[in-house]
Structure formats: structure tokens, C-alpha cells
């Protein structure tokens, strides 16, 4: 059962596509960084439920502005550009809105397994295909990630390499490798280590130990 009526779908797709395009092309943000903000602001949750305020009441640029304002208290004043063609980022948001609606999988769970940057790279050839073919591929990609560790999924979702996470959390790359490969049990790690990792990934300590 879908969270909202199919008649809203085209609006949701255009809005999320426009938000991602605006964030990347006008605000020069990283696609994964912006989508993490979209999720952490809780706006993604309301959007996924089909709340009219987000799905029908805003342009893509306004949705991006609202997302940033909720988290930072500052609203971007950059005027949105209107590209004469649909960019890969626009398509990624457009396709993500459809897949979230069709699958019933929350945005947070989707991008924890298939990052937005990876979806952007799927633009060719999937933008020329039926959207259901994109959905089929997403199910395959998500299923492949089911057996990966929570740390690996959260790191990927944050758009960080193992080296980048090690630097942010002040732990060794080797330690991260061992936790992700299951050679060491992260649940037995020192509380301070788990805390630093959770802060670097903007998640709870419990999320890492699932």
C-alpha cells in the first residue's frame, strides 16, 4: 500500500528532482550531503507521507531552501537556475521520489544502501528507460547490501571513504576495515570509539551497533 495517492506522484517527482538540482548546481553542494540534510531535517519523512506542504506546496528550490533552513537557521538566497535540459541530479531526485513511493522503503533506508551519488551515476542509461526498470535495478542493489555492516552502510550513506571517516572520528583505517568486515565486533568497542564514529556519521551509537 502506497503512502499517498498516485495522482500526487508527478508533483513529488518534479519537486524532489528540482530540489536536488538546485542544491547541486546552484548551491554547489554534494548530492549525498544535501540528501543527508533532507533526511536529518525530518522533511524527507513528511515528503514520503505525501504531506501537501512539501509535495504540492513548494517548488524544488523552495524544498531545498526549507531543508537547509530547518537545520542551519539560514535560508539560501541564491536564485534557482532553470536548465534547458534535465540534469542527472534532477533525474536522480525524480527517480528516487518514484522508487520511494512504489517500494514503500523510507528515503533513509534507500540511500543508506544506494547513495544518491550512485543513483546520479545511473542516469545513463536509465533515464532513457521505463522507470520500472530503474526500480528493478534498485531492488537488486539494495538486496546486495543487506549483509553489509551498519558501519559500512552508514559510512556510504554519509558519502565518506574509510580514510575520510577515520580522520573525522580519529580512529585508524584498519579499525574501520575490521569492523566493516566483521573481523571485530563493534559492539565490543570502547564507548568513546563508538561515540566518535557516531558523531562523525551523524547517527546514534545504537545505529552503529545494529
Protein backbone atom coordinates (compact mmCIF):
# COMPACT_ATOMS: atom_id res chain seq x y z
CA UNK A 1 0.00 0.00 0.00
CA UNK A 2 1.36 3.40 -1.03
CA UNK A 3 1.72 6.30 1.41
CA UNK A 4 -0.15 8.72 -0.85
CA UNK A 5 -2.29 8.77 -3.96
CA UNK A 6 -0.65 8.18 -7.32
CA UNK A 7 -2.11 11.46 -8.60
CA UNK A 8 0.49 13.26 -6.46
CA UNK A 9 3.38 11.31 -7.98
CA UNK A 10 4.32 13.67 -10.82
CA UNK A 11 4.36 16.62 -8.38
CA UNK A 12 6.56 14.71 -5.93
CA UNK A 13 8.98 13.73 -8.67
CA UNK A 14 9.31 17.26 -10.04
CA UNK A 15 9.74 18.74 -6.58
CA UNK A 16 12.43 16.34 -5.40
CA UNK A 17 14.19 16.49 -8.76
CA UNK A 18 14.20 20.26 -8.64
CA UNK A 19 15.46 20.29 -5.05
CA UNK A 20 18.44 18.08 -5.85
CA UNK A 21 19.23 20.09 -9.00
CA UNK A 22 19.11 23.36 -7.06
CA UNK A 23 21.27 22.05 -4.22
CA UNK A 24 23.98 20.71 -6.53
CA UNK A 25 24.00 23.19 -9.41
CA UNK A 26 23.04 26.43 -7.71
CA UNK A 27 24.29 25.94 -4.15
CA UNK A 28 27.28 23.79 -5.21
CA UNK A 29 26.51 21.15 -2.59
CA UNK A 30 27.44 17.49 -2.73
CA UNK A 31 24.39 15.38 -3.63
CA UNK A 32 24.90 12.99 -0.71
CA UNK A 33 25.45 15.88 1.69
CA UNK A 34 22.22 17.56 0.67
CA UNK A 35 20.18 14.37 0.87
CA UNK A 36 21.57 13.68 4.34
CA UNK A 37 20.28 17.12 5.35
CA UNK A 38 16.92 16.35 3.73
CA UNK A 39 16.64 13.22 5.87
CA UNK A 40 18.03 14.70 9.10
CA UNK A 41 15.66 17.68 8.86
CA UNK A 42 12.74 15.19 9.01
CA UNK A 43 11.33 16.81 5.88
CA UNK A 44 12.02 13.58 4.00
CA UNK A 45 9.67 11.79 6.39
CA UNK A 46 6.82 14.21 5.70
CA UNK A 47 7.56 14.15 1.98
CA UNK A 48 7.41 10.36 1.98
CA UNK A 49 3.97 10.53 3.60
CA UNK A 50 2.81 12.83 0.83
CA UNK A 51 2.32 15.90 3.04
CA UNK A 52 0.89 18.54 0.73
CA UNK A 53 3.12 21.25 2.20
CA UNK A 54 6.18 19.54 0.72
CA UNK A 55 4.85 17.58 -2.24
CA UNK A 56 2.43 20.16 -3.66
CA UNK A 57 3.12 23.44 -1.90
CA UNK A 58 6.75 24.07 -2.80
CA UNK A 59 8.98 24.25 -5.82
CA UNK A 60 12.12 22.13 -5.79
CA UNK A 61 14.27 25.13 -4.89
CA UNK A 62 11.90 26.04 -2.05
CA UNK A 63 12.07 22.49 -0.70
CA UNK A 64 15.88 22.67 -0.70
CA UNK A 65 15.78 26.07 0.99
CA UNK A 66 13.40 24.79 3.66
CA UNK A 67 15.63 21.78 4.30
CA UNK A 68 18.71 23.94 4.81
CA UNK A 69 16.83 26.48 6.92
CA UNK A 70 15.48 23.81 9.30
CA UNK A 71 19.00 22.53 10.03
CA UNK A 72 21.05 25.73 9.90
CA UNK A 73 18.60 28.56 10.61
CA UNK A 74 19.83 30.24 7.42
CA UNK A 75 17.94 30.35 4.14
CA UNK A 76 19.92 30.41 0.88
CA UNK A 77 19.19 33.48 -1.24
CA UNK A 78 20.57 32.06 -4.48
CA UNK A 79 18.07 32.38 -7.33
CA UNK A 80 17.35 28.98 -8.90
CA UNK A 81 18.58 28.33 -12.40
CA UNK A 82 16.36 26.67 -14.94
CA UNK A 83 18.41 24.38 -17.13
CA UNK A 84 17.07 23.78 -20.66
CA UNK A 85 17.51 20.04 -20.06
CA UNK A 86 17.05 17.66 -17.16
CA UNK A 87 20.34 17.18 -15.35
CA UNK A 88 21.45 13.83 -13.87
CA UNK A 89 20.77 15.27 -10.41
CA UNK A 90 17.24 16.29 -11.37
CA UNK A 91 16.64 12.82 -12.77
CA UNK A 92 18.04 11.18 -9.61
CA UNK A 93 15.58 13.10 -7.40
CA UNK A 94 12.75 12.40 -9.85
CA UNK A 95 13.55 8.68 -9.89
CA UNK A 96 14.06 8.49 -6.12
CA UNK A 97 10.65 10.01 -5.47
CA UNK A 98 9.07 7.32 -7.63
CA UNK A 99 11.01 4.45 -6.07
CA UNK A 100 10.28 5.57 -2.50
CA UNK A 101 6.56 5.74 -3.34
CA UNK A 102 6.50 2.48 -5.28
CA UNK A 103 8.58 0.43 -2.83
CA UNK A 104 7.39 1.88 0.47
CA UNK A 105 11.03 1.91 1.62
CA UNK A 106 11.86 5.16 3.50
CA UNK A 107 14.38 7.51 1.90
CA UNK A 108 16.80 6.96 4.76
CA UNK A 109 16.86 3.19 4.21
CA UNK A 110 17.18 3.56 0.45
CA UNK A 111 20.19 5.85 0.45
CA UNK A 112 21.90 4.01 3.30
CA UNK A 113 22.30 1.16 0.81
CA UNK A 114 22.41 3.03 -2.51
CA UNK A 115 23.82 6.57 -2.07
CA UNK A 116 22.37 9.43 -4.07
CA UNK A 117 25.70 9.90 -5.85
CA UNK A 118 25.42 6.31 -7.12
CA UNK A 119 21.88 6.97 -8.35
CA UNK A 120 23.10 10.10 -10.16
CA UNK A 121 25.65 7.88 -11.93
CA UNK A 122 22.80 5.61 -13.05
CA UNK A 123 21.43 8.47 -15.19
CA UNK A 124 22.88 6.82 -18.25
CA UNK A 125 21.29 4.58 -19.41
CA UNK A 126 18.31 4.54 -17.02
CA UNK A 127 16.96 7.99 -17.85
CA UNK A 128 16.06 6.63 -21.27
CA UNK A 129 14.28 3.56 -19.86
CA UNK A 130 10.92 2.97 -18.27
CA UNK A 131 11.07 4.00 -14.60
CA UNK A 132 10.12 0.44 -13.61
CA UNK A 133 13.45 -0.78 -14.96
CA UNK A 134 15.19 1.64 -12.62
CA UNK A 135 13.09 0.27 -9.75
CA UNK A 136 14.04 -3.30 -10.64
CA UNK A 137 17.74 -2.39 -10.54
CA UNK A 138 17.31 -0.58 -7.21
CA UNK A 139 15.80 -3.69 -5.62
CA UNK A 140 18.81 -5.69 -6.82
CA UNK A 141 21.29 -3.14 -5.46
CA UNK A 142 19.50 -2.91 -2.10
CA UNK A 143 19.34 -6.68 -1.70
CA UNK A 144 23.08 -6.92 -2.31
CA UNK A 145 23.67 -4.58 0.62
CA UNK A 146 21.55 -6.48 3.14
CA UNK A 147 24.52 -8.37 4.54
CA UNK A 148 26.85 -5.39 4.91
CA UNK A 149 27.59 -3.98 8.35
CA UNK A 150 25.72 -0.99 9.77
CA UNK A 151 29.00 0.93 9.88
CA UNK A 152 29.65 0.33 6.17
CA UNK A 153 26.10 1.33 5.23
CA UNK A 154 26.14 4.50 7.33
CA UNK A 155 29.58 5.47 6.05
CA UNK A 156 28.43 5.01 2.46
CA UNK A 157 25.26 6.98 3.15
CA UNK A 158 27.38 9.84 4.52
CA UNK A 159 29.48 9.80 1.35
CA UNK A 160 32.71 9.11 3.24
CA UNK A 161 35.59 6.83 2.35
CA UNK A 162 37.10 4.68 5.09
CA UNK A 163 40.06 7.08 5.20
CA UNK A 164 37.83 10.16 5.49
CA UNK A 165 35.81 8.59 8.30
CA UNK A 166 39.00 7.55 10.11
CA UNK A 167 40.22 11.15 10.02
CA UNK A 168 36.90 12.62 11.18
CA UNK A 169 36.49 10.11 14.02
CA UNK A 170 40.19 9.97 14.96
CA UNK A 171 40.40 6.18 14.62
CA UNK A 172 42.58 4.03 12.38
CA UNK A 173 41.55 2.95 8.90
CA UNK A 174 42.48 -0.59 9.89
CA UNK A 175 40.00 -0.50 12.76
CA UNK A 176 37.19 0.61 10.42
CA UNK A 177 38.08 -2.13 7.95
CA UNK A 178 37.94 -4.77 10.71
CA UNK A 179 34.56 -3.58 11.98
CA UNK A 180 33.09 -3.42 8.47
CA UNK A 181 34.41 -6.88 7.55
CA UNK A 182 33.17 -8.41 10.79
CA UNK A 183 36.68 -9.31 11.96
CA UNK A 184 35.98 -7.29 15.10
CA UNK A 185 32.63 -6.81 16.83
CA UNK A 186 31.85 -3.10 17.03
CA UNK A 187 29.52 -3.82 19.96
CA UNK A 188 32.62 -4.65 21.98
CA UNK A 189 34.44 -1.44 21.05
CA UNK A 190 35.22 1.23 23.64
CA UNK A 191 32.30 3.57 24.21
CA UNK A 192 34.47 6.56 23.28
CA UNK A 193 35.28 4.99 19.90
CA UNK A 194 31.62 4.35 19.11
CA UNK A 195 30.75 7.87 20.20
CA UNK A 196 33.35 9.45 17.88
CA UNK A 197 32.17 7.30 14.97
CA UNK A 198 28.53 8.15 15.59
CA UNK A 199 29.30 11.87 15.73
CA UNK A 200 31.30 11.69 12.51
CA UNK A 201 28.39 9.88 10.81
CA UNK A 202 25.63 11.99 12.41
CA UNK A 203 23.87 8.91 13.74
CA UNK A 204 23.19 7.39 17.15
CA UNK A 205 25.52 4.93 18.86
CA UNK A 206 22.71 2.39 18.72
CA UNK A 207 22.54 2.72 14.91
CA UNK A 208 26.15 1.56 14.66
CA UNK A 209 25.56 -1.50 16.81
CA UNK A 210 22.57 -2.90 14.95
